[in-house]
Protein backbone atom coordinates (compact mmCIF):
# COMPACT_ATOMS: atom_id res chain seq x y z
CA MET A 1 98.88 163.73 -17.28
CA ALA A 2 102.12 161.36 -17.98
CA ASN A 3 102.94 160.21 -21.60
CA PRO A 4 102.19 156.56 -21.67
CA ASP A 5 104.78 155.81 -23.60
CA ALA A 6 107.18 156.60 -21.14
CA ILE A 7 106.27 154.49 -18.13
CA SER A 8 104.51 152.20 -19.67
CA GLY A 9 107.45 149.43 -18.78
CA SER A 10 107.20 150.49 -15.05
CA LYS A 11 105.51 148.37 -12.72
CA PRO A 12 101.67 150.01 -12.18
CA LEU A 13 101.17 152.28 -8.64
CA VAL A 14 97.90 150.78 -7.77
CA LEU A 15 96.50 151.96 -4.59
CA TYR A 16 93.73 149.85 -2.86
CA ILE A 17 91.33 151.12 -0.60
CA ALA A 18 90.13 148.14 1.87
CA GLY A 19 87.98 147.79 4.97
CA SER A 20 84.35 147.07 5.55
CA GLY A 21 81.65 148.36 3.28
CA ARG A 22 79.60 151.60 3.37
CA SER A 23 82.44 153.32 4.92
CA GLY A 24 82.92 155.80 2.65
CA SER A 25 85.30 153.84 -0.11
CA THR A 26 83.53 155.80 -3.31
CA LEU A 27 83.67 158.85 -1.43
CA LEU A 28 87.18 158.65 -1.46
CA GLU A 29 87.75 157.31 -4.56
CA ARG A 30 86.11 160.46 -5.54
CA LEU A 31 88.07 162.53 -4.11
CA LEU A 32 91.52 160.89 -5.42
CA GLY A 33 89.77 160.90 -9.18
CA GLN A 34 89.88 164.80 -8.85
CA LEU A 35 93.83 164.47 -8.89
CA GLU A 36 95.88 165.11 -12.24
CA GLY A 37 97.25 161.53 -12.62
CA VAL A 38 95.08 159.53 -10.84
CA GLN A 39 92.63 157.04 -12.82
CA THR A 40 90.36 155.26 -10.56
CA LEU A 41 88.55 152.48 -11.58
CA GLY A 42 85.74 151.48 -8.92
CA GLU A 43 85.66 147.74 -7.17
CA VAL A 44 86.99 146.01 -9.78
CA HIS A 45 86.43 142.73 -8.27
CA HIS A 46 82.62 143.33 -9.08
CA MET A 47 83.20 144.05 -12.68
CA TRP A 48 83.88 140.72 -14.07
CA LEU A 49 79.76 139.82 -12.99
CA ARG A 50 78.37 143.24 -13.30
CA ALA A 51 80.28 144.65 -16.19
CA ILE A 52 81.52 142.19 -18.48
CA GLY A 53 78.77 139.66 -17.36
CA LYS A 54 75.68 142.20 -17.57
CA ASN A 55 76.99 144.86 -19.62
CA GLU A 56 75.87 147.76 -17.00
CA GLN A 57 76.69 151.37 -17.04
CA CYS A 58 80.11 152.72 -16.31
CA GLY A 59 80.21 155.68 -14.21
CA CYS A 60 80.28 157.74 -16.82
CA SER A 61 76.61 156.51 -17.45
CA GLU A 62 77.71 155.00 -20.56
CA ILE A 63 76.89 151.27 -20.99
CA PHE A 64 79.98 149.18 -20.42
CA THR A 65 80.50 148.00 -23.73
CA GLU A 66 79.83 151.39 -25.25
CA CYS A 67 82.66 153.45 -22.69
CA GLU A 68 85.40 154.35 -25.48
CA PHE A 69 87.85 154.11 -21.82
CA TRP A 70 87.12 150.37 -20.48
CA SER A 71 86.79 149.74 -24.92
CA GLN A 72 90.45 150.06 -24.91
CA VAL A 73 91.71 149.03 -21.66
CA GLY A 74 89.83 145.38 -22.51
CA GLN A 75 91.65 145.55 -25.98
CA GLU A 76 94.74 146.12 -24.47
CA ALA A 77 94.88 143.73 -21.40
CA PHE A 78 92.72 140.37 -23.56
CA GLY A 79 92.67 141.68 -27.23
CA GLY A 80 88.79 142.76 -26.33
CA TRP A 81 86.41 141.75 -23.16
CA ASP A 82 85.32 138.95 -25.42
CA LYS A 83 88.15 137.02 -24.41
CA VAL A 84 87.26 137.12 -20.91
CA SER A 85 86.22 133.97 -19.12
CA VAL A 86 83.74 135.69 -16.04
CA ASP A 87 82.88 131.71 -15.31
CA GLU A 88 86.94 131.26 -15.07
CA VAL A 89 87.53 134.09 -12.97
CA GLU A 90 84.82 133.13 -10.25
CA ARG A 91 85.83 129.69 -10.57
CA LEU A 92 89.33 131.34 -9.67
CA LYS A 93 88.25 133.12 -7.11
CA SER A 94 86.24 130.67 -5.38
CA GLN A 95 89.64 128.68 -4.57
CA VAL A 96 91.38 132.00 -3.61
CA ASP A 97 89.48 134.91 -2.63
CA ARG A 98 87.53 134.63 0.01
CA GLN A 99 87.58 135.32 3.83
CA ARG A 100 87.94 131.80 4.64
CA HIS A 101 91.11 131.34 2.76
CA GLN A 102 92.72 135.14 4.04
CA PRO A 103 94.79 133.30 6.64
CA VAL A 104 96.80 131.25 4.46
CA THR A 105 97.18 133.80 1.94
CA ALA A 106 98.32 136.01 4.45
CA SER A 107 100.91 133.58 5.60
CA PRO A 108 104.28 134.42 4.19
CA TRP A 109 105.21 129.97 3.62
CA THR A 110 102.06 129.76 0.79
CA SER A 111 102.67 126.83 -0.86
CA LYS A 112 103.70 126.74 -4.79
CA GLU A 113 100.11 125.24 -5.31
CA ARG A 114 98.80 127.99 -3.81
CA THR A 115 100.74 130.90 -5.33
CA ARG A 116 100.25 129.41 -8.74
CA LYS A 117 96.17 129.82 -8.02
CA LEU A 118 96.88 133.09 -6.33
CA LEU A 119 99.05 134.41 -9.21
CA GLU A 120 96.74 133.05 -11.67
CA TYR A 121 93.59 134.93 -10.30
CA THR A 122 95.24 137.87 -10.06
CA ASP A 123 96.65 137.98 -13.11
CA TYR A 124 93.62 139.10 -14.83
CA TYR A 125 93.26 142.38 -12.46
CA ALA A 126 97.26 142.83 -12.69
CA ARG A 127 96.79 143.06 -16.97
CA VAL A 128 93.82 145.21 -16.20
CA TYR A 129 96.37 147.25 -14.11
CA HIS A 130 98.91 147.32 -16.77
CA ALA A 131 96.55 148.44 -19.36
CA VAL A 132 94.71 151.33 -17.30
CA GLN A 133 98.57 152.37 -17.03
CA LYS A 134 99.58 152.30 -21.33
CA THR A 135 96.29 153.61 -22.34
CA THR A 136 96.08 156.73 -19.91
CA GLY A 137 99.74 157.09 -18.63
CA ALA A 138 98.05 157.58 -14.98
CA ARG A 139 100.85 157.72 -12.03
CA ILE A 140 98.15 156.28 -9.55
CA ILE A 141 95.70 153.78 -10.30
CA VAL A 142 92.88 153.24 -7.49
CA ASP A 143 90.86 150.02 -7.03
CA SER A 144 87.83 150.37 -4.28
CA GLY A 145 87.28 146.93 -3.64
CA LYS A 146 87.26 147.04 -0.26
CA HIS A 147 87.81 143.28 -0.02
CA PRO A 148 90.91 142.14 2.20
CA SER A 149 91.08 138.64 0.58
CA LEU A 150 91.55 140.52 -2.43
CA ALA A 151 93.51 142.96 -1.15
CA LEU A 152 95.86 139.46 0.33
CA ALA A 153 96.19 137.96 -3.11
CA LEU A 154 97.17 140.79 -4.76
CA THR A 155 100.44 141.36 -2.61
CA HIS A 156 101.54 138.34 -3.95
CA ARG A 157 102.40 139.64 -6.99
CA ASN A 158 105.90 141.46 -8.12
CA ASP A 159 104.37 142.92 -11.44
CA ILE A 160 102.25 146.04 -9.32
CA ASP A 161 103.47 148.52 -6.93
CA LEU A 162 100.60 147.83 -4.65
CA ARG A 163 100.02 150.19 -1.49
CA ILE A 164 96.93 149.79 0.59
CA VAL A 165 94.52 152.06 2.43
CA HIS A 166 92.31 150.75 5.02
CA LEU A 167 89.28 153.33 5.55
CA VAL A 168 87.39 152.56 8.52
CA ARG A 169 84.22 154.34 10.04
CA ASP A 170 82.38 154.23 12.65
CA SER A 171 80.20 151.15 13.29
CA ARG A 172 77.26 152.23 14.38
CA GLY A 173 77.77 154.31 10.81
CA VAL A 174 77.71 151.69 8.99
CA SER A 175 75.58 149.65 10.45
CA HIS A 176 72.43 152.25 10.32
CA SER A 177 74.07 152.47 6.01
CA TRP A 178 73.50 148.53 5.76
CA GLY A 179 70.02 148.96 6.80
CA LYS A 180 68.64 151.38 4.04
CA ALA A 181 67.63 150.68 1.05
CA VAL A 182 69.32 151.69 -1.71
CA GLN A 183 68.14 151.75 -5.76
CA ARG A 184 71.31 151.08 -8.22
CA PRO A 185 70.60 152.81 -10.83
CA GLU A 186 72.50 150.65 -13.58
CA ALA A 187 71.01 147.32 -12.58
CA THR A 188 69.62 145.55 -16.02
CA THR A 189 67.64 143.46 -13.59
CA ASP A 190 64.77 143.28 -11.31
CA GLU A 191 66.98 141.12 -8.99
CA ASP A 192 69.75 143.18 -8.94
CA ALA A 193 67.47 146.50 -8.50
CA MET A 194 68.48 147.63 -4.84
CA MET A 195 72.19 147.49 -2.81
CA GLN A 196 72.18 144.40 -0.36
CA GLN A 197 70.67 145.24 3.21
CA TYR A 198 71.97 143.96 6.34
CA SER A 199 70.87 143.82 10.22
CA PRO A 200 72.69 145.20 12.52
CA LEU A 201 73.98 141.79 14.07
CA VAL A 202 75.06 140.82 10.61
CA SER A 203 76.15 144.06 9.92
CA SER A 204 78.57 144.44 13.37
CA VAL A 205 80.02 140.98 12.40
CA LEU A 206 80.89 141.64 9.21
CA TRP A 207 82.30 145.61 10.19
CA LEU A 208 84.33 143.29 12.67
CA SER A 209 85.54 140.73 10.42
CA THR A 210 86.63 142.67 7.43
CA ASN A 211 88.54 145.37 9.66
CA LEU A 212 90.09 142.95 11.18
CA ALA A 213 90.96 141.25 7.86
CA ALA A 214 92.66 144.40 6.72
CA GLU A 215 94.55 144.83 9.78
CA GLY A 216 96.23 141.21 8.92
CA ILE A 217 97.30 142.94 5.42
CA ARG A 218 100.29 144.23 7.72
CA LEU A 219 101.88 140.58 7.76
CA ARG A 220 102.23 140.22 4.00
CA GLY A 221 104.87 143.76 4.43
CA VAL A 222 103.34 146.59 1.99
CA PRO A 223 102.34 149.69 2.32
CA ARG A 224 99.22 150.17 4.49
CA TYR A 225 97.71 153.29 6.13
CA ARG A 226 94.71 153.36 8.10
CA MET A 227 92.20 156.34 7.33
CA ARG A 228 89.07 157.51 9.14
CA TYR A 229 85.84 158.45 7.22
CA GLU A 230 85.15 161.14 9.45
CA ASP A 231 88.71 162.51 9.58
CA LEU A 232 88.66 162.36 5.75
CA VAL A 233 85.18 164.31 4.83
CA ALA A 234 86.16 167.11 8.23
CA ARG A 235 89.91 167.65 6.81
CA PRO A 236 89.80 166.24 3.40
CA LYS A 237 93.40 168.03 2.05
CA PRO A 238 95.62 167.53 5.09
CA THR A 239 94.25 163.68 5.54
CA LEU A 240 94.95 163.04 1.60
CA LEU A 241 98.06 164.07 2.17
CA LYS A 242 99.22 162.24 5.00
CA MET A 243 97.51 159.38 3.28
CA PHE A 244 100.34 159.90 0.49
CA GLN A 245 103.31 160.67 2.92
CA SER A 246 102.57 157.43 4.81
CA LEU A 247 102.74 155.47 1.71
CA GLY A 248 105.60 157.05 0.19
CA MET A 249 103.39 158.39 -2.78
CA PRO A 250 103.43 161.67 -5.17
CA GLU A 251 102.64 163.94 -2.97
CA ASP A 252 102.78 167.21 -5.51
CA LEU A 253 98.98 166.17 -6.37
CA GLU A 254 96.21 169.50 -5.36
CA LEU A 255 92.69 168.17 -4.60
CA PRO A 256 90.68 170.86 -6.17
CA ILE A 257 88.67 171.62 -3.02
CA ALA A 258 87.37 174.92 -1.76
CA ASP A 259 87.47 176.31 1.99
CA ASP A 260 83.85 175.49 2.67
CA GLY A 261 84.11 171.76 1.26
CA THR A 262 82.67 172.01 -2.20
CA ILE A 263 84.02 170.83 -5.18
CA ASP A 264 83.54 169.92 -8.53
CA LEU A 265 83.13 165.85 -9.22
CA ARG A 266 84.14 165.55 -12.84
CA PRO A 267 82.70 162.34 -14.49
CA ASN A 268 84.45 158.96 -13.56
CA HIS A 269 85.26 155.39 -14.86
CA SER A 270 83.91 153.57 -12.09
CA ALA A 271 83.81 150.08 -13.11
CA ALA A 272 81.00 149.39 -10.07
CA GLY A 273 80.36 150.64 -6.74
CA ASN A 274 77.72 152.48 -4.79
CA PRO A 275 75.32 155.46 -6.66
CA MET A 276 77.48 158.13 -5.76
CA ARG A 277 80.06 157.06 -8.82
CA PHE A 278 77.78 158.45 -11.06
CA SER A 279 77.57 162.34 -8.92
CA VAL A 280 78.75 164.73 -11.15
CA GLY A 281 79.09 168.52 -10.70
CA THR A 282 79.72 170.87 -7.71
CA THR A 283 79.21 168.92 -3.93
CA LYS A 284 79.81 169.53 -0.91
CA LEU A 285 81.01 167.63 1.46
CA ARG A 286 79.50 165.99 4.65
CA PRO A 287 79.54 163.88 7.18
CA ASP A 288 76.93 161.78 6.83
CA THR A 289 76.05 161.44 10.80
CA ALA A 290 72.50 160.41 9.95
CA TRP A 291 72.50 157.37 13.07
CA ARG A 292 72.84 159.57 15.49
CA THR A 293 69.29 160.50 15.19
CA GLN A 294 67.64 157.91 12.87
CA MET A 295 69.38 154.83 14.07
CA GLY A 296 67.19 153.26 17.07
CA SER A 297 68.55 153.08 20.82
CA LYS A 298 68.28 149.39 20.71
CA ASP A 299 70.29 148.38 17.48
CA ARG A 300 72.92 151.50 18.31
CA ARG A 301 73.44 149.88 21.09
CA LEU A 302 73.58 146.31 19.98
CA VAL A 303 76.01 147.51 17.05
CA SER A 304 77.88 149.33 20.08
CA VAL A 305 78.91 146.43 22.15
CA LEU A 306 79.12 144.30 20.01
CA THR A 307 81.92 146.40 18.26
CA ALA A 308 83.42 148.32 21.30
CA SER A 309 86.86 147.11 21.49
CA LEU A 310 87.80 147.82 17.70
CA ARG A 311 86.04 150.80 17.57
CA TYR A 312 87.79 152.02 20.91
CA CYS A 313 90.85 151.05 18.98
CA TYR A 314 89.97 153.14 15.96
CA GLY A 315 89.08 156.12 17.99
CA TYR A 316 85.65 155.99 18.28
CA ALA A 317 85.68 156.44 22.55
CA GLY A 318 82.64 157.48 24.39
CA LYS A 319 79.77 155.53 26.14
CA LEU A 320 77.79 153.25 24.45
CA GLY A 321 75.21 153.41 22.10
CA THR A 322 75.99 157.35 21.80
């Protein structure tokens, strides 16, 4: 990695992964995390409540308060995580980081009061990004938060170099994944033990609204690139290289993946996210196509019909329900 002192005065280059939940953002983040000079953080928007508030596990398997990486970041950013009011972060979030606020946040004519609130809220994130850059010397910092509302809020800052990758996945695969019962191994309470589940109807609406909101990020004029999950799994190296080229990012980063799709995943410091963030060791990339055989025909057809227009725009053509 670069010398932290040599870049401490520059803007951190932040790659924000936007898109619908269950679209493969954790996989993309884990692959990026194997590149030299890239520091992944997980879903930072969940860090306030889950990591700081409930002291859940970091991706390295240490609980948050005992993780040396996050302890250093918290000290640099805030003088310690105990100085952060989670309630205040959540209060500001409710004012600017919600789906209903997106049309106003995306507008180039944001009021002074709205801008003030956006900057006050996103200052928490900027402090984290700057602290990570200073303590690690990372060339690229990855936040896999997915929420377009947060991505839009971050576009109002001029002290970070923000790039957006909009990750999409076939809506039927996303819907099938939302229907699965998935445990959260890092949970500290019974009520948090399982990941959220949604019906095919609700997941379809979420897929449409989230991806349309991510398309709206282009109104803010920040570098943005759309990537398909299916392409990433099938051709990880060329897909990542195309993303780097499109976003004007360093292209001298070599993904250490074998021709057969195997990669040795190193431990990471993801503050929150999919259970895959705990996976380490040799892993073979395989597309998750379980929906093709396990998803009921009625549910598959419902999702196909509801999401047909946008699914077609993303290249998922074919007969409805297939």
